[in-house]
Protein backbone atom coordinates (compact mmCIF):
# COMPACT_ATOMS: atom_id res chain seq x y z
CA MET A 1 14.31 -18.70 27.02
CA GLN A 2 13.88 -18.38 23.25
CA THR A 3 16.77 -19.43 21.01
CA LEU A 4 18.31 -17.70 17.98
CA LEU A 5 20.68 -19.69 15.73
CA VAL A 6 23.14 -17.65 13.63
CA ILE A 7 24.67 -19.62 10.74
CA ASP A 8 27.50 -17.46 9.41
CA ASP A 9 31.19 -18.18 8.88
CA GLU A 10 32.21 -14.68 10.01
CA PRO A 11 33.03 -14.76 13.77
CA ALA A 12 32.40 -11.00 13.96
CA ILE A 13 28.77 -11.48 12.87
CA GLN A 14 28.14 -14.18 15.49
CA HIS A 15 29.80 -12.01 18.14
CA ALA A 16 27.64 -9.02 17.15
CA PHE A 17 24.46 -11.06 17.56
CA ARG A 18 25.57 -12.35 20.97
CA ARG A 19 26.39 -8.83 22.09
CA ALA A 20 23.06 -7.45 20.80
CA PHE A 21 20.79 -10.21 22.12
CA GLY A 22 22.72 -12.00 24.83
CA GLY A 23 20.83 -12.24 28.12
CA LYS A 24 17.45 -11.71 26.45
CA ILE A 25 17.54 -14.75 24.20
CA ASN A 26 19.86 -17.73 23.87
CA VAL A 27 22.16 -17.12 20.85
CA LEU A 28 23.78 -20.16 19.23
CA GLY A 29 26.35 -20.02 16.44
CA ALA A 30 27.37 -22.25 13.54
CA ALA A 31 30.08 -21.56 10.94
CA THR A 32 28.93 -24.09 8.34
CA ALA A 33 25.67 -25.42 6.91
CA ARG A 34 26.49 -28.90 8.22
CA GLU A 35 27.04 -27.63 11.76
CA GLY A 36 23.87 -25.55 11.64
CA LEU A 37 21.71 -28.42 10.35
CA SER A 38 23.08 -30.66 13.10
CA ILE A 39 22.00 -28.15 15.77
CA ILE A 40 18.56 -27.76 14.16
CA SER A 41 18.01 -31.54 14.07
CA GLN A 42 18.89 -31.93 17.75
CA THR A 43 17.40 -28.79 19.33
CA PRO A 44 15.33 -26.72 16.88
CA PRO A 45 15.78 -22.96 17.54
CA ASP A 46 12.93 -20.46 17.48
CA VAL A 47 14.47 -18.27 14.73
CA ILE A 48 17.44 -18.71 12.37
CA VAL A 49 19.68 -16.05 10.79
CA LEU A 50 21.35 -17.62 7.76
CA ASP A 51 24.14 -16.22 5.60
CA VAL A 52 23.77 -16.74 1.84
CA HIS A 53 27.44 -17.69 1.33
CA LEU A 54 28.72 -20.54 3.50
CA PRO A 55 31.90 -22.62 3.06
CA ASP A 56 30.05 -25.88 2.35
CA ALA A 57 26.73 -24.80 0.78
CA THR A 58 24.68 -21.86 -0.45
CA GLY A 59 22.15 -20.21 1.82
CA LEU A 60 19.21 -21.29 -0.35
CA GLU A 61 20.36 -24.92 -0.37
CA THR A 62 20.69 -24.80 3.39
CA TYR A 63 17.30 -23.12 3.79
CA ARG A 64 15.60 -25.85 1.77
CA LYS A 65 17.14 -28.50 4.05
CA ILE A 66 15.99 -26.52 7.12
CA HIS A 67 12.51 -26.39 5.58
CA GLN A 68 12.50 -30.19 5.30
CA ILE A 69 13.45 -30.54 8.98
CA ASP A 70 10.89 -28.01 10.26
CA ALA A 71 9.04 -25.64 7.92
CA ARG A 72 7.74 -23.60 10.85
CA ILE A 73 11.09 -22.04 11.83
CA PRO A 74 11.33 -18.43 10.56
CA VAL A 75 14.59 -18.01 8.61
CA ILE A 76 16.13 -14.57 7.98
CA LEU A 77 18.56 -14.67 5.07
CA ILE A 78 21.47 -12.17 5.13
CA THR A 79 24.11 -11.38 2.52
CA GLY A 80 26.69 -8.80 1.62
CA HIS A 81 26.22 -9.35 -2.13
CA GLY A 82 22.51 -9.28 -2.83
CA THR A 83 20.86 -9.66 -6.23
CA THR A 84 17.24 -9.14 -7.23
CA ASP A 85 16.89 -12.73 -8.46
CA LEU A 86 18.27 -14.14 -5.22
CA ALA A 87 15.90 -12.03 -3.11
CA ILE A 88 12.88 -13.11 -5.17
CA GLU A 89 13.88 -16.77 -5.15
CA ALA A 90 14.41 -16.70 -1.38
CA MET A 91 11.04 -15.11 -0.64
CA LYS A 92 9.24 -17.45 -3.04
CA ASP A 93 10.74 -20.38 -1.15
CA GLY A 94 9.20 -19.02 2.05
CA VAL A 95 12.14 -17.23 3.71
CA TYR A 96 10.83 -14.98 6.49
CA GLU A 97 12.94 -11.97 5.40
CA TYR A 98 15.95 -11.13 3.24
CA LEU A 99 18.46 -8.51 4.45
CA LEU A 100 21.61 -6.90 3.07
CA LYS A 101 24.74 -6.31 5.15
CA PRO A 102 25.61 -4.10 6.95
CA LEU A 103 22.70 -4.78 9.28
CA GLU A 104 20.95 -1.91 11.05
CA LEU A 105 20.68 -3.03 14.69
CA SER A 106 17.36 -1.46 15.76
CA ALA A 107 15.55 -2.71 12.63
CA LEU A 108 17.11 -6.14 13.11
CA ARG A 109 15.92 -6.26 16.72
CA ARG A 110 12.35 -5.48 15.65
CA LEU A 111 12.47 -8.07 12.89
CA ILE A 112 13.76 -10.83 15.18
CA GLU A 113 11.14 -9.93 17.81
CA GLN A 114 8.45 -10.25 15.13
CA ALA A 115 9.91 -13.56 13.95
CA MET A 116 10.02 -14.85 17.54
CA LEU A 117 6.35 -13.91 17.96
CA SER A 118 5.47 -15.64 14.70
CA ALA A 119 7.36 -18.75 15.82
CA ALA A 120 5.58 -18.74 19.17
CA LYS A 121 2.18 -18.67 17.48
CA MET A 122 3.09 -21.85 15.61
CA ARG A 123 4.75 -23.66 18.51
CA ILE A 124 3.16 -22.62 21.82
CA PRO A 125 0.21 -24.98 22.26
CA ALA A 126 -3.21 -23.36 22.01
CA ASN A 127 -4.70 -25.85 24.45
CA LEU A 128 -8.43 -25.93 24.90
CA GLY A 129 -9.93 -26.59 28.31
CA ASN A 130 -6.96 -28.22 30.09
CA GLU A 131 -5.21 -26.26 32.87
CA GLU A 132 -3.21 -29.08 34.43
CA SER A 133 0.10 -27.43 33.48
CA VAL A 134 0.34 -23.65 33.84
CA GLN A 135 3.34 -22.05 32.13
CA PRO A 136 4.54 -18.42 32.39
CA GLU A 137 4.32 -18.19 28.58
CA GLY A 138 1.71 -19.74 26.33
CA ASP A 139 -2.00 -19.65 25.81
CA LEU A 140 -4.87 -21.65 27.16
CA MET A 141 -8.56 -21.42 26.42
CA LEU A 142 -10.52 -22.41 29.50
CA GLY A 143 -14.19 -22.84 30.24
CA GLN A 144 -16.63 -25.46 31.42
CA CYS A 145 -19.83 -23.71 30.33
CA ALA A 146 -21.94 -25.35 27.62
CA ARG A 147 -21.08 -22.76 24.97
CA MET A 148 -17.33 -23.22 25.43
CA GLN A 149 -17.73 -26.99 25.27
CA ASP A 150 -19.41 -26.46 21.90
CA VAL A 151 -16.39 -24.41 20.78
CA TYR A 152 -13.98 -27.24 21.72
CA LYS A 153 -16.11 -29.75 19.83
CA SER A 154 -16.22 -27.49 16.77
CA VAL A 155 -12.43 -27.18 16.74
CA GLY A 156 -12.15 -30.96 16.88
CA ARG A 157 -14.62 -31.42 14.02
CA VAL A 158 -13.12 -28.89 11.62
CA ALA A 159 -9.36 -28.99 12.31
CA ALA A 160 -8.55 -31.93 10.03
CA GLN A 161 -10.90 -30.78 7.27
CA GLU A 162 -9.41 -28.76 4.39
CA ILE A 163 -12.12 -26.11 4.51
CA THR A 164 -12.36 -22.40 5.26
CA VAL A 165 -13.43 -21.44 8.79
CA LEU A 166 -15.07 -18.22 9.97
CA ILE A 167 -14.62 -17.41 13.67
CA GLN A 168 -17.04 -14.83 15.06
CA GLY A 169 -17.11 -13.10 18.41
CA GLU A 170 -16.52 -9.84 20.23
CA SER A 171 -13.04 -8.42 20.64
CA GLY A 172 -11.01 -10.23 23.28
CA THR A 173 -12.94 -13.50 23.21
CA GLY A 174 -9.98 -15.50 21.88
CA LYS A 175 -10.53 -15.76 18.12
CA GLU A 176 -6.83 -16.02 17.23
CA LEU A 177 -6.35 -18.66 19.92
CA VAL A 178 -9.09 -20.76 18.31
CA ALA A 179 -7.49 -20.23 14.87
CA ARG A 180 -4.15 -21.45 16.24
CA ALA A 181 -5.81 -24.49 17.82
CA ILE A 182 -7.39 -25.38 14.46
CA TYR A 183 -4.00 -24.97 12.76
CA GLN A 184 -2.09 -27.00 15.36
CA HIS A 185 -4.55 -29.91 15.05
CA SER A 186 -4.67 -29.78 11.25
CA LYS A 187 -2.77 -31.66 8.54
CA ARG A 188 -0.82 -28.44 7.93
CA ALA A 189 0.55 -28.21 11.47
CA LYS A 190 4.15 -28.68 10.27
CA GLN A 191 3.78 -25.86 7.73
CA PRO A 192 3.80 -22.07 8.36
CA PHE A 193 1.03 -20.16 10.13
CA LEU A 194 0.74 -16.41 9.48
CA ALA A 195 -1.67 -14.07 11.26
CA ILE A 196 -2.60 -10.75 9.65
CA ASN A 197 -4.79 -8.09 11.28
CA CYS A 198 -6.65 -6.46 8.39
CA ALA A 199 -7.53 -3.40 10.51
CA ALA A 200 -3.95 -2.74 11.62
CA ILE A 201 -2.47 -2.38 8.12
CA PRO A 202 -3.24 0.81 6.14
CA GLU A 203 -5.58 0.21 3.22
CA THR A 204 -2.93 1.37 0.74
CA LEU A 205 -0.47 -1.30 1.96
CA LEU A 206 -2.77 -4.24 2.68
CA GLU A 207 -2.95 -5.53 -0.92
CA SER A 208 0.84 -5.49 -1.26
CA GLU A 209 1.24 -7.16 2.16
CA LEU A 210 -1.04 -10.04 1.19
CA PHE A 211 -0.36 -10.49 -2.54
CA GLY A 212 3.01 -8.81 -3.08
CA HIS A 213 3.89 -6.32 -5.83
CA GLU A 214 6.05 -5.90 -8.90
CA LYS A 215 8.91 -3.44 -9.08
CA GLY A 216 7.65 0.02 -10.08
CA SER A 217 3.97 -0.86 -9.57
CA PHE A 218 3.52 2.20 -7.34
CA THR A 219 5.58 5.01 -5.80
CA GLY A 220 8.15 3.47 -3.48
CA ALA A 221 7.99 -0.02 -5.02
CA GLU A 222 11.73 -0.16 -5.69
CA ARG A 223 11.88 -3.95 -5.92
CA LYS A 224 9.59 -6.92 -6.34
CA ARG A 225 7.93 -8.07 -3.10
CA ILE A 226 6.55 -11.52 -2.31
CA GLY A 227 3.25 -11.36 -0.41
CA LYS A 228 2.02 -13.45 2.50
CA PHE A 229 -0.13 -15.77 0.39
CA GLU A 230 2.87 -16.70 -1.76
CA GLN A 231 5.20 -16.91 1.23
CA CYS A 232 2.80 -19.16 3.16
CA HIS A 233 2.34 -21.74 0.38
CA GLY A 234 1.28 -25.03 1.95
CA GLY A 235 0.43 -23.42 5.29
CA THR A 236 -2.40 -21.57 7.01
CA ILE A 237 -3.22 -17.85 6.92
CA PHE A 238 -5.39 -16.24 9.59
CA LEU A 239 -7.10 -13.00 8.55
CA ASP A 240 -8.30 -11.22 11.67
CA GLU A 241 -10.91 -8.45 11.50
CA ILE A 242 -11.79 -9.35 7.93
CA GLY A 243 -14.88 -7.16 8.22
CA GLU A 244 -12.52 -4.16 7.99
CA MET A 245 -11.16 -5.26 4.60
CA PRO A 246 -11.86 -2.86 1.68
CA ILE A 247 -14.30 -4.07 -1.01
CA LEU A 248 -11.59 -4.19 -3.71
CA MET A 249 -9.47 -6.45 -1.54
CA GLN A 250 -12.47 -8.67 -0.84
CA SER A 251 -12.75 -9.46 -4.55
CA LYS A 252 -9.12 -10.63 -4.65
CA ILE A 253 -9.65 -12.84 -1.59
CA LEU A 254 -12.75 -14.30 -3.25
CA ARG A 255 -10.78 -15.14 -6.39
CA LEU A 256 -8.04 -16.74 -4.32
CA LEU A 257 -10.57 -18.93 -2.51
CA GLN A 258 -12.25 -19.95 -5.75
CA GLU A 259 -9.17 -20.57 -7.90
CA GLN A 260 -6.20 -20.73 -5.47
CA GLN A 261 -4.42 -18.18 -7.63
CA PHE A 262 -3.78 -14.43 -7.71
CA GLU A 263 -1.68 -11.68 -9.29
CA ARG A 264 0.81 -9.42 -7.56
CA VAL A 265 0.04 -5.69 -7.53
CA GLY A 266 1.12 -4.32 -10.92
CA GLY A 267 1.67 -7.81 -12.37
CA ASN A 268 0.02 -10.02 -14.97
CA GLU A 269 1.43 -13.40 -13.97
CA LEU A 270 -1.05 -15.78 -12.35
CA ILE A 271 0.54 -17.27 -9.23
CA GLN A 272 -0.73 -20.56 -7.83
CA THR A 273 -0.84 -21.02 -4.08
CA ASN A 274 -2.10 -23.64 -1.69
CA VAL A 275 -3.13 -22.12 1.62
CA ARG A 276 -5.87 -22.75 4.11
CA LEU A 277 -7.74 -19.61 5.11
CA ILE A 278 -9.17 -18.98 8.57
CA ALA A 279 -10.96 -15.66 9.01
CA ALA A 280 -12.28 -13.87 12.08
CA THR A 281 -14.47 -10.87 12.75
CA ASN A 282 -16.08 -8.98 15.62
CA ALA A 283 -18.56 -7.42 13.18
CA ASP A 284 -21.91 -8.73 11.97
CA LEU A 285 -20.96 -9.66 8.40
CA LYS A 286 -24.60 -10.25 7.44
CA LYS A 287 -25.43 -6.64 8.29
CA LEU A 288 -22.33 -5.42 6.44
CA CYS A 289 -23.52 -7.40 3.40
CA ASP A 290 -26.97 -5.77 3.65
CA VAL A 291 -25.46 -2.26 3.55
CA GLY A 292 -22.98 -3.10 0.80
CA LYS A 293 -19.81 -3.02 2.89
CA PHE A 294 -19.06 -6.73 2.54
CA ARG A 295 -19.47 -9.01 -0.47
CA LYS A 296 -22.18 -11.62 -0.05
CA ASP A 297 -20.36 -14.12 -2.28
CA LEU A 298 -17.23 -13.80 -0.12
CA TYR A 299 -19.30 -14.18 3.04
CA PHE A 300 -20.74 -17.45 1.73
CA ARG A 301 -17.25 -18.67 0.79
CA LEU A 302 -15.86 -17.85 4.25
CA ASN A 303 -18.83 -19.22 6.16
CA VAL A 304 -18.35 -22.84 5.13
CA PHE A 305 -17.91 -23.63 8.83
CA SER A 306 -18.57 -21.06 11.53
CA ILE A 307 -17.51 -20.97 15.18
CA GLU A 308 -19.20 -18.45 17.49
CA LEU A 309 -17.27 -17.42 20.63
CA PRO A 310 -19.39 -16.28 23.58
CA PRO A 311 -18.63 -13.00 25.40
CA LEU A 312 -17.23 -13.33 28.91
CA ARG A 313 -20.37 -11.80 30.46
CA ASP A 314 -22.30 -14.87 29.24
CA ARG A 315 -19.78 -17.25 30.83
CA GLY A 316 -20.34 -16.43 34.51
CA GLY A 317 -19.43 -19.90 35.70
CA ASP A 318 -16.05 -19.70 33.97
CA ILE A 319 -14.78 -16.45 35.53
CA ASP A 320 -13.32 -18.03 38.68
CA GLN A 321 -11.47 -20.62 36.61
CA LEU A 322 -10.04 -17.88 34.38
CA ILE A 323 -9.04 -15.73 37.38
CA ASP A 324 -7.19 -18.65 38.99
CA TYR A 325 -5.43 -19.52 35.73
CA PHE A 326 -4.23 -15.97 34.98
CA VAL A 327 -3.08 -15.48 38.59
CA LYS A 328 -0.99 -18.67 38.35
CA ARG A 329 0.39 -17.76 34.94
CA TYR A 330 1.44 -14.19 35.79
CA SER A 331 2.70 -15.22 39.23
CA LEU A 332 5.21 -17.41 37.40
CA GLN A 333 5.99 -14.77 34.80
CA LEU A 334 6.45 -11.92 37.29
CA GLY A 335 8.09 -13.98 40.02
CA ARG A 336 5.25 -13.37 42.51
CA SER A 337 3.94 -15.69 45.22
CA VAL A 338 0.16 -15.43 45.53
CA THR A 339 -1.34 -17.53 48.29
CA GLU A 340 -4.83 -16.04 48.37
CA ILE A 341 -7.35 -14.17 46.20
CA ALA A 342 -9.66 -12.17 48.47
CA GLN A 343 -13.38 -12.89 48.09
CA GLU A 344 -14.05 -9.14 47.78
CA ALA A 345 -11.73 -9.05 44.75
CA ARG A 346 -13.52 -12.02 43.21
CA ASP A 347 -16.92 -10.40 43.79
CA ILE A 348 -15.82 -7.20 42.04
CA LEU A 349 -14.45 -9.18 39.10
CA HIS A 350 -17.73 -11.11 38.87
CA LYS A 351 -19.85 -7.92 38.80
CA TYR A 352 -17.80 -6.15 36.15
CA PRO A 353 -19.36 -6.49 32.62
CA TRP A 354 -16.03 -7.14 30.81
CA PRO A 355 -16.53 -5.24 27.54
CA GLY A 356 -13.01 -6.33 26.56
CA ASN A 357 -13.80 -9.97 27.43
CA VAL A 358 -11.05 -12.48 28.34
CA ARG A 359 -8.27 -10.22 27.02
CA GLU A 360 -9.37 -7.46 29.39
CA LEU A 361 -9.57 -9.88 32.34
CA GLN A 362 -6.08 -11.12 31.50
CA SER A 363 -4.73 -7.56 31.44
CA VAL A 364 -6.48 -6.65 34.71
CA ILE A 365 -5.00 -9.67 36.53
CA LYS A 366 -1.52 -8.86 35.25
CA GLN A 367 -1.81 -5.19 36.31
CA SER A 368 -3.13 -6.22 39.72
CA LEU A 369 -0.22 -8.58 40.38
CA ILE A 370 2.27 -5.88 39.41
CA ARG A 371 0.64 -3.47 41.91
CA MET A 372 0.24 -6.10 44.63
CA ASN A 373 2.06 -5.97 47.95
CA GLY A 374 2.37 -9.13 50.04
CA SER A 375 1.02 -12.54 49.04
CA ALA A 376 -2.75 -11.85 48.93
CA LEU A 377 -4.53 -10.36 45.91
CA LEU A 378 -6.85 -7.85 47.60
CA ALA A 379 -9.57 -5.70 46.03
CA ASP A 380 -7.42 -2.60 46.57
CA PHE A 381 -4.89 -3.90 44.03
CA LEU A 382 -7.48 -4.06 41.23
CA PRO A 383 -7.46 -1.09 38.80
CA GLU A 384 -9.67 1.75 39.97
CA SER A 385 -11.79 1.51 36.80
CA ILE A 386 -12.80 -2.06 37.74
CA ARG A 387 -13.53 -1.21 41.39
CA GLN A 388 -15.67 1.82 40.50
CA SER A 389 -17.51 0.39 37.51
CA ASP A 390 -20.80 -0.18 39.35
CA GLU A 391 -20.69 2.70 41.85
CA VAL A 392 -22.05 5.62 39.79
CA ASP A 393 -23.93 6.24 36.54
CA GLN A 394 -21.93 9.26 35.42
CA PRO A 395 -20.17 8.80 32.07
CA ILE A 396 -16.43 8.35 32.39
CA ALA A 397 -14.56 8.89 29.14
CA VAL A 398 -11.27 7.15 29.86
CA PHE A 399 -10.24 5.50 33.10
CA HIS A 400 -6.78 6.63 34.15
CA ASP A 401 -4.77 6.21 37.33
CA GLU A 402 -3.70 9.77 38.20
CA GLN A 403 -1.71 8.53 41.21
CA PHE A 404 0.60 6.37 39.14
CA SER A 405 4.31 6.89 39.85
CA TRP A 406 7.03 5.59 37.52
CA ASP A 407 9.63 5.64 40.28
CA SER A 408 7.48 3.50 42.55
CA PHE A 409 6.47 1.22 39.68
CA ILE A 410 10.05 0.46 38.58
CA ASP A 411 11.30 0.13 42.18
CA GLU A 412 8.51 -2.34 42.93
CA LEU A 413 9.30 -4.47 39.85
CA ILE A 414 12.98 -4.60 40.80
CA SER A 415 12.23 -5.42 44.43
CA GLN A 416 9.98 -8.29 43.30
CA SER A 417 12.87 -9.79 41.25
CA CYS A 418 10.84 -9.45 38.06
CA GLU A 419 12.90 -10.89 35.17
CA ASN A 420 11.31 -8.84 32.37
CA VAL A 421 11.25 -5.31 33.79
CA TYR A 422 11.96 -3.79 30.38
CA ALA A 423 8.97 -5.47 28.66
CA VAL A 424 6.56 -4.81 31.54
CA ALA A 425 7.62 -1.15 31.77
CA LEU A 426 7.32 -0.63 28.00
CA GLU A 427 3.81 -2.08 28.03
CA ARG A 428 2.85 0.24 30.89
CA MET A 429 4.42 3.22 29.11
CA GLU A 430 2.46 2.51 25.91
CA ARG A 431 -0.72 2.15 27.93
CA GLU A 432 -0.12 5.47 29.74
CA VAL A 433 0.57 7.36 26.48
CA ILE A 434 -2.57 6.04 24.79
CA LEU A 435 -4.69 6.69 27.88
CA ARG A 436 -3.52 10.30 28.10
CA VAL A 437 -4.22 10.97 24.42
CA LEU A 438 -7.65 9.33 24.62
CA LYS A 439 -8.43 11.40 27.69
CA HIS A 440 -7.35 14.55 25.84
CA THR A 441 -9.66 13.78 22.88
CA GLY A 442 -12.60 12.62 24.97
CA GLY A 443 -12.23 9.09 23.62
CA ASN A 444 -12.24 10.06 19.94
CA GLN A 445 -10.33 7.28 18.15
CA LEU A 446 -9.75 9.09 14.86
CA GLN A 447 -8.38 12.23 16.51
CA SER A 448 -6.30 10.16 18.96
CA ALA A 449 -4.78 8.10 16.14
CA LYS A 450 -3.72 11.30 14.34
CA ILE A 451 -2.06 12.66 17.48
CA LEU A 452 -0.27 9.34 18.09
CA GLY A 453 0.83 9.10 14.45
CA ILE A 454 -0.73 5.67 13.85
CA THR A 455 -3.74 4.37 11.95
CA ARG A 456 -7.12 4.06 13.62
CA GLY A 457 -6.96 0.28 13.06
CA SER A 458 -3.63 0.13 14.90
CA LEU A 459 -5.09 2.18 17.76
CA ARG A 460 -8.08 -0.17 18.04
CA THR A 461 -5.72 -3.14 18.22
CA LYS A 462 -3.61 -1.49 20.93
CA ILE A 463 -6.71 -0.56 22.95
CA ARG A 464 -7.79 -4.20 22.95
CA ASN A 465 -4.35 -5.73 23.54
CA LEU A 466 -3.59 -3.38 26.43
CA GLY A 467 -7.00 -3.91 28.05
CA ILE A 468 -7.82 -0.20 27.96
CA ASN A 469 -11.36 0.38 29.13
CA ILE A 470 -13.24 3.29 27.59
CA GLY A 471 -16.40 4.35 29.39
CA ARG A 472 -19.44 2.56 28.03
CA ASN A 473 -21.44 5.83 27.70
CA ILE A 474 -18.93 7.44 25.33
CA SER A 475 -19.70 7.00 21.62
CA LEU A 476 -16.65 6.99 19.37
CA GLU A 477 -17.34 8.35 15.86
CA ASP A 478 -19.63 5.71 14.35
CA GLU A 479 -19.10 2.97 16.91
CA GLU A 480 -18.26 2.10 20.50
CA ILE A 481 -15.27 0.15 21.72
CA GLN A 482 -16.49 -3.32 22.57
């Protein structure tokens, strides 16, 4: 269970956090900086909420001591008497977020969930090729094929080198996992790691997110904001889907790589930073350069060292190993006992082309275990889209289980003693909503994103993360989902 440490001398604040998060995460409390630092030294928490005013020290003094103990722990600073200078100083020092009391509970929940995810990316080992210990949470990149062995060797060669790395491969092949493995084996492993999906952030907000902005620099900029490159000083930043980055932003990234300095939006001050950049893309950057959508000079700067991840369809010998690993992992997570994987199920999984690669296989195994009755994973428990993929040639826009029943689904989770019913049900709900909208639009991403009220980049990310399979004969605007 993840741990949240609340350092605040108000008992009511500690009680409120226990009431809000108790049962889901382990909430520890400390009334003084000394007590909090003692807890951190003995059993480092995943996330810390720190009050600015403590009986024996200021919040910033305490944060700096926490940073010396473990710079990877996200710290959320809270205060009832905020000032602009304090907020700026805190964010410049690398504080994860700065909040004013009273705290809005739903926003706080989202923020702590994000901080927990960020902490997990820095702490959960991104092990390559070793499945001796399967855990219900965590990530593991498996594969014995020659191309995956080359990936492992490349990670080993480049991790300790202070150079930029470009990771290339189709969606779902594990690019962020490789980035985390490089980070965790680098000299910066004790410093922060931040992952940013360039396609998931609206173009109008991406520059501010990365570089920060000055107060009044644009409509809605009510206070100065510290960007990710300033916040992650000394650490590693992973820019996923960098091929989606606007040309103007590319020029700022190029300058940062060349000079290790930048300006906030609306500012004139040159800010020095020291970050290692790892970038990833599922696009052909050379072709984007040829058509003027990506800067050649930036491409050359990023491509100092390149790692190419193979698609799952080219890793036939690895599929059984991946199936066994994901079955073990989700059996532990969902509280299931799987004693057998039917050969018919394995055969179907081998024949399927896996356009969503390892991420899609992972999602399919998880769905199948949720639907499974008994202790054997039979072909009937696989999603219908996987079972029918090679039966007919007719184009199928969006695969959707029309027989799905929420009552049966929830009852089955409860009867299986699943310990995270809420998270599993929310994931299924999100998947169902997106599937229905995609079905309504015939697979049109742009139209679906408008109906859902999200950006097209966010929709693409959700499609991949949820393992949604869109029929391979359906063309979506100017591209196909890979």
